Amino acid sequence: MVDGDGTLASGSGAVSVEHGVAGEYVVTFQRNVDSCAAVAAPGSHKTTGPPAVPAGIANSSTNGSTVTVLTRVVQAPGIFAATDRSFHLIVQCAS
């Protein structure tokens, strides 16, 4: 769980989060995650961070020991704006 401000709120395996620009988070893990499946979804933390409303999207990609997560909200039909939102990130590796 990562809060909208880039704080690592909970979870295991992740060691840090870099949040330099709106709607972009780079989560660093203890190991290489290139051969792992990474899934991100908007979600709120029960004590901090803005809610994931209006409904938003989160997309992820891996690079070595990092996963980049992009969070977006729909501002008008077909327009996805970069917005800081809390999210859940699941990274599942075979071994």
Foldseek 3Di string as FASTA:
>chain_A
DAALVQRPDDDPQWDGWDDDDFQKIKTFGPFFQQQKDKAKAFADDPPDHDGCPPPWGWDWDGDTRIIMIGIWDDPDVPDTDRHRTDMDMDIGDPD
